C-alpha atoms as a PDB file:
ATOM      1  CA  UNK A   1      -0.001   0.001   0.001  1.00  0.00           C
ATOM      2  CA  UNK A   2       1.113   3.550  -0.758  1.00  0.00           C
ATOM      3  CA  UNK A   3       0.328   6.151   1.867  1.00  0.00           C
ATOM      4  CA  UNK A   4       0.716   9.838   1.111  1.00  0.00           C
ATOM      5  CA  UNK A   5       2.279  11.892   3.887  1.00  0.00           C
ATOM      6  CA  UNK A   6       1.649  15.538   3.168  1.00  0.00           C
ATOM      7  CA  UNK A   7       2.627  18.690   5.001  1.00  0.00           C
ATOM      8  CA  UNK A   8       4.746  21.783   4.824  1.00  0.00           C
ATOM      9  CA  UNK A   9       8.312  22.108   3.628  1.00  0.00           C
ATOM     10  CA  UNK A  10       8.745  24.369   6.639  1.00  0.00           C
ATOM     11  CA  UNK A  11       7.256  23.025   9.852  1.00  0.00           C
ATOM     12  CA  UNK A  12       7.426  23.288  13.602  1.00  0.00           C
ATOM     13  CA  UNK A  13       9.525  20.924  15.707  1.00  0.00           C
ATOM     14  CA  UNK A  14       6.303  19.284  16.898  1.00  0.00           C
ATOM     15  CA  UNK A  15       5.083  18.699  13.322  1.00  0.00           C
ATOM     16  CA  UNK A  16       8.518  17.281  12.453  1.00  0.00           C
ATOM     17  CA  UNK A  17       8.301  14.886  15.410  1.00  0.00           C
ATOM     18  CA  UNK A  18       4.784  13.798  14.438  1.00  0.00           C
ATOM     19  CA  UNK A  19       5.784  13.231  10.801  1.00  0.00           C
ATOM     20  CA  UNK A  20       8.845  11.213  11.828  1.00  0.00           C
ATOM     21  CA  UNK A  21       6.671   8.964  13.994  1.00  0.00           C
ATOM     22  CA  UNK A  22       4.108   8.585  11.206  1.00  0.00           C
ATOM     23  CA  UNK A  23       6.849   7.546   8.772  1.00  0.00           C
ATOM     24  CA  UNK A  24       8.286   5.056  11.254  1.00  0.00           C
ATOM     25  CA  UNK A  25       4.905   3.495  12.018  1.00  0.00           C
ATOM     26  CA  UNK A  26       3.946   3.272   8.339  1.00  0.00           C
ATOM     27  CA  UNK A  27       7.202   1.472   7.533  1.00  0.00           C
ATOM     28  CA  UNK A  28       6.562  -1.010  10.351  1.00  0.00           C
ATOM     29  CA  UNK A  29       3.193  -1.752   8.684  1.00  0.00           C
ATOM     30  CA  UNK A  30       4.893  -2.354   5.322  1.00  0.00           C
ATOM     31  CA  UNK A  31       3.516   0.777   3.669  1.00  0.00           C
ATOM     32  CA  UNK A  32       5.419   2.737   1.045  1.00  0.00           C
ATOM     33  CA  UNK A  33       5.468   6.485   1.674  1.00  0.00           C
ATOM     34  CA  UNK A  34       4.778   8.854  -1.189  1.00  0.00           C
ATOM     35  CA  UNK A  35       5.319  12.551  -0.559  1.00  0.00           C
ATOM     36  CA  UNK A  36       6.601  15.765  -2.117  1.00  0.00           C
ATOM     37  CA  UNK A  37      10.214  14.687  -1.508  1.00  0.00           C
ATOM     38  CA  UNK A  38      11.516  17.951  -0.065  1.00  0.00           C
ATOM     39  CA  UNK A  39      12.191  19.066   3.535  1.00  0.00           C
ATOM     40  CA  UNK A  40      10.046  19.622   6.606  1.00  0.00           C
ATOM     41  CA  UNK A  41       7.224  17.136   7.106  1.00  0.00           C
ATOM     42  CA  UNK A  42       8.244  15.252   3.962  1.00  0.00           C
ATOM     43  CA  UNK A  43      11.837  14.737   5.094  1.00  0.00           C
ATOM     44  CA  UNK A  44      10.850  13.812   8.641  1.00  0.00           C
ATOM     45  CA  UNK A  45       8.367  11.175   7.421  1.00  0.00           C
ATOM     46  CA  UNK A  46      10.916   9.743   4.989  1.00  0.00           C
ATOM     47  CA  UNK A  47      13.599   9.642   7.695  1.00  0.00           C
ATOM     48  CA  UNK A  48      11.280   7.809  10.079  1.00  0.00           C
ATOM     49  CA  UNK A  49      10.417   5.302   7.362  1.00  0.00           C
ATOM     50  CA  UNK A  50      14.028   4.727   6.277  1.00  0.00           C
ATOM     51  CA  UNK A  51      15.170   4.126   9.843  1.00  0.00           C
ATOM     52  CA  UNK A  52      12.635   1.278   9.983  1.00  0.00           C
ATOM     53  CA  UNK A  53      13.679  -0.162   6.611  1.00  0.00           C
ATOM     54  CA  UNK A  54      10.746   1.340   4.695  1.00  0.00           C
ATOM     55  CA  UNK A  55      10.512   2.562   1.107  1.00  0.00           C
ATOM     56  CA  UNK A  56       9.974   6.201   0.148  1.00  0.00           C
ATOM     57  CA  UNK A  57       8.975   7.984  -3.042  1.00  0.00           C
ATOM     58  CA  UNK A  58       9.379  11.724  -3.532  1.00  0.00           C
ATOM     59  CA  UNK A  59       7.424  13.519  -6.261  1.00  0.00           C
ATOM     60  CA  UNK A  60       9.430  16.689  -6.715  1.00  0.00           C
ATOM     61  CA  UNK A  61       8.097  20.016  -7.974  1.00  0.00           C
ATOM     62  CA  UNK A  62      11.274  20.872  -9.900  1.00  0.00           C
ATOM     63  CA  UNK A  63      13.353  19.344 -12.697  1.00  0.00           C
ATOM     64  CA  UNK A  64      16.158  17.828 -10.601  1.00  0.00           C
ATOM     65  CA  UNK A  65      16.122  14.484  -8.755  1.00  0.00           C
ATOM     66  CA  UNK A  66      19.024  15.770  -6.667  1.00  0.00           C
ATOM     67  CA  UNK A  67      16.654  18.175  -4.909  1.00  0.00           C
ATOM     68  CA  UNK A  68      15.107  15.267  -3.007  1.00  0.00           C
ATOM     69  CA  UNK A  69      15.754  14.946   0.697  1.00  0.00           C
ATOM     70  CA  UNK A  70      18.397  12.310   1.583  1.00  0.00           C
ATOM     71  CA  UNK A  71      15.775   9.783   2.745  1.00  0.00           C
ATOM     72  CA  UNK A  72      13.957   9.474  -0.594  1.00  0.00           C
ATOM     73  CA  UNK A  73      14.544   6.146  -2.351  1.00  0.00           C
ATOM     74  CA  UNK A  74      12.844   7.045  -5.621  1.00  0.00           C
ATOM     75  CA  UNK A  75      12.833  10.674  -6.701  1.00  0.00           C
ATOM     76  CA  UNK A  76      10.512  11.719  -9.522  1.00  0.00           C
ATOM     77  CA  UNK A  77      11.456  15.115 -10.944  1.00  0.00           C
ATOM     78  CA  UNK A  78       8.266  16.470 -12.483  1.00  0.00           C
ATOM     79  CA  UNK A  79       9.091  20.143 -13.183  1.00  0.00           C
ATOM     80  CA  UNK A  80       5.359  20.681 -12.553  1.00  0.00           C
ATOM     81  CA  UNK A  81       5.508  22.893  -9.461  1.00  0.00           C
ATOM     82  CA  UNK A  82       2.471  22.501  -7.199  1.00  0.00           C
ATOM     83  CA  UNK A  83       0.661  20.544  -9.923  1.00  0.00           C
ATOM     84  CA  UNK A  84       2.714  17.565  -8.745  1.00  0.00           C
ATOM     85  CA  UNK A  85       0.352  17.424  -5.733  1.00  0.00           C
ATOM     86  CA  UNK A  86      -2.195  15.680  -7.966  1.00  0.00           C
ATOM     87  CA  UNK A  87       0.314  12.905  -8.707  1.00  0.00           C
ATOM     88  CA  UNK A  88       0.990  12.374  -5.022  1.00  0.00           C
ATOM     89  CA  UNK A  89      -2.646  12.032  -4.002  1.00  0.00           C
ATOM     90  CA  UNK A  90      -3.674  10.052  -7.104  1.00  0.00           C
ATOM     91  CA  UNK A  91      -0.914   7.519  -6.400  1.00  0.00           C
ATOM     92  CA  UNK A  92      -1.659   7.214  -2.672  1.00  0.00           C
ATOM     93  CA  UNK A  93      -4.214   4.754  -1.349  1.00  0.00           C
ATOM     94  CA  UNK A  94      -4.858   7.142   1.577  1.00  0.00           C
ATOM     95  CA  UNK A  95      -3.307  10.356   2.907  1.00  0.00           C
ATOM     96  CA  UNK A  96      -2.068  11.586   6.274  1.00  0.00           C
ATOM     97  CA  UNK A  97      -1.771  15.364   6.555  1.00  0.00           C
ATOM     98  CA  UNK A  98       0.631  16.662   9.207  1.00  0.00           C
ATOM     99  CA  UNK A  99       0.418  20.411   9.741  1.00  0.00           C
ATOM    100  CA  UNK A 100       0.810  22.170   6.426  1.00  0.00           C
ATOM    101  CA  UNK A 101      -0.036  25.321   4.575  1.00  0.00           C
ATOM    102  CA  UNK A 102      -1.941  26.030   1.339  1.00  0.00           C
ATOM    103  CA  UNK A 103      -0.123  23.358  -0.681  1.00  0.00           C
ATOM    104  CA  UNK A 104      -1.230  20.788   1.892  1.00  0.00           C
ATOM    105  CA  UNK A 105      -4.753  22.170   1.763  1.00  0.00           C
ATOM    106  CA  UNK A 106      -4.796  21.670  -2.021  1.00  0.00           C
ATOM    107  CA  UNK A 107      -3.651  18.051  -1.562  1.00  0.00           C
ATOM    108  CA  UNK A 108      -6.369  17.444   1.035  1.00  0.00           C
ATOM    109  CA  UNK A 109      -9.005  18.861  -1.326  1.00  0.00           C
ATOM    110  CA  UNK A 110      -7.808  16.780  -4.266  1.00  0.00           C
ATOM    111  CA  UNK A 111      -7.630  13.604  -2.170  1.00  0.00           C
ATOM    112  CA  UNK A 112     -11.200  14.121  -0.966  1.00  0.00           C
ATOM    113  CA  UNK A 113     -12.372  14.834  -4.524  1.00  0.00           C
ATOM    114  CA  UNK A 114     -10.699  11.570  -5.612  1.00  0.00           C
ATOM    115  CA  UNK A 115     -12.441   9.621  -2.853  1.00  0.00           C
ATOM    116  CA  UNK A 116      -9.281   8.960  -0.857  1.00  0.00           C
ATOM    117  CA  UNK A 117      -9.303   8.668   2.914  1.00  0.00           C
ATOM    118  CA  UNK A 118      -7.706  11.706   4.568  1.00  0.00           C
ATOM    119  CA  UNK A 119      -6.487  11.667   8.151  1.00  0.00           C
ATOM    120  CA  UNK A 120      -5.439  15.004   9.649  1.00  0.00           C
ATOM    121  CA  UNK A 121      -2.855  15.135  12.418  1.00  0.00           C
ATOM    122  CA  UNK A 122      -2.448  18.668  13.741  1.00  0.00           C
ATOM    123  CA  UNK A 123      -3.576  19.860  10.313  1.00  0.00           C
ATOM    124  CA  UNK A 124      -6.344  21.753   8.562  1.00  0.00           C
ATOM    125  CA  UNK A 125      -9.871  21.883   9.883  1.00  0.00           C
ATOM    126  CA  UNK A 126     -12.281  22.383   6.995  1.00  0.00           C
ATOM    127  CA  UNK A 127     -15.894  23.441   7.316  1.00  0.00           C
ATOM    128  CA  UNK A 128     -18.650  24.243   4.866  1.00  0.00           C
ATOM    129  CA  UNK A 129     -21.075  26.905   6.073  1.00  0.00           C
ATOM    130  CA  UNK A 130     -19.777  26.360   9.608  1.00  0.00           C
ATOM    131  CA  UNK A 131     -20.195  22.587   9.579  1.00  0.00           C
ATOM    132  CA  UNK A 132     -16.941  20.586   9.866  1.00  0.00           C
ATOM    133  CA  UNK A 133     -16.253  18.233   6.959  1.00  0.00           C
ATOM    134  CA  UNK A 134     -16.671  14.750   8.428  1.00  0.00           C
ATOM    135  CA  UNK A 135     -14.776  13.170   5.517  1.00  0.00           C
ATOM    136  CA  UNK A 136     -11.538  14.350   7.141  1.00  0.00           C
ATOM    137  CA  UNK A 137     -10.698  12.023  10.006  1.00  0.00           C
ATOM    138  CA  UNK A 138      -9.059  13.817  12.932  1.00  0.00           C
ATOM    139  CA  UNK A 139      -6.251  11.918  14.658  1.00  0.00           C
ATOM    140  CA  UNK A 140      -4.865  12.774  18.085  1.00  0.00           C
ATOM    141  CA  UNK A 141      -1.603  10.833  17.674  1.00  0.00           C
ATOM    142  CA  UNK A 142       0.661   9.308  15.012  1.00  0.00           C
ATOM    143  CA  UNK A 143      -0.572   5.856  16.058  1.00  0.00           C
ATOM    144  CA  UNK A 144      -4.191   6.871  15.528  1.00  0.00           C
ATOM    145  CA  UNK A 145      -3.364   8.460  12.153  1.00  0.00           C
ATOM    146  CA  UNK A 146      -1.570   5.367  10.886  1.00  0.00           C
ATOM    147  CA  UNK A 147      -4.276   3.022  12.146  1.00  0.00           C
ATOM    148  CA  UNK A 148      -6.845   5.196  10.361  1.00  0.00           C
ATOM    149  CA  UNK A 149      -5.184   4.828   6.964  1.00  0.00           C
ATOM    150  CA  UNK A 150      -3.972   1.252   7.316  1.00  0.00           C
ATOM    151  CA  UNK A 151      -7.397  -0.107   8.243  1.00  0.00           C
ATOM    152  CA  UNK A 152      -8.954   1.542   5.168  1.00  0.00           C
ATOM    153  CA  UNK A 153      -6.193   0.511   2.740  1.00  0.00           C
ATOM    154  CA  UNK A 154      -6.124  -3.227   3.288  1.00  0.00           C
END
């Protein structure tokens, strides 16, 4: 199973810690991580996965594979900018969002539009006319986030 881990290139220490734990737990479950391949949440998740023997894929916004963080096994240089977000969420079986800014929000929206399960860990809260979107599963911990995507992807 391929699980998208999405979040900001620039993140807080807490978001970095959460992403690292998510990556580690996903690798222990045998999941392949697919992400944007750069720093921040993406690098932390990849590092956590690699330290557990997992596999990581980075879908890069620019034209150079060398821009990938050092924990990416397979770097895909798209030269598509933020449009590469569609590739990430289309490829993923489910998505975990950790923190994030507008790029992460676009990935969440696309994943929901594509019918993918989205679990948010310290990430966006989305409401329509004041009513929270119940399609986004809120997780209180990395363990809960990983369990949420693993159970739906098997």
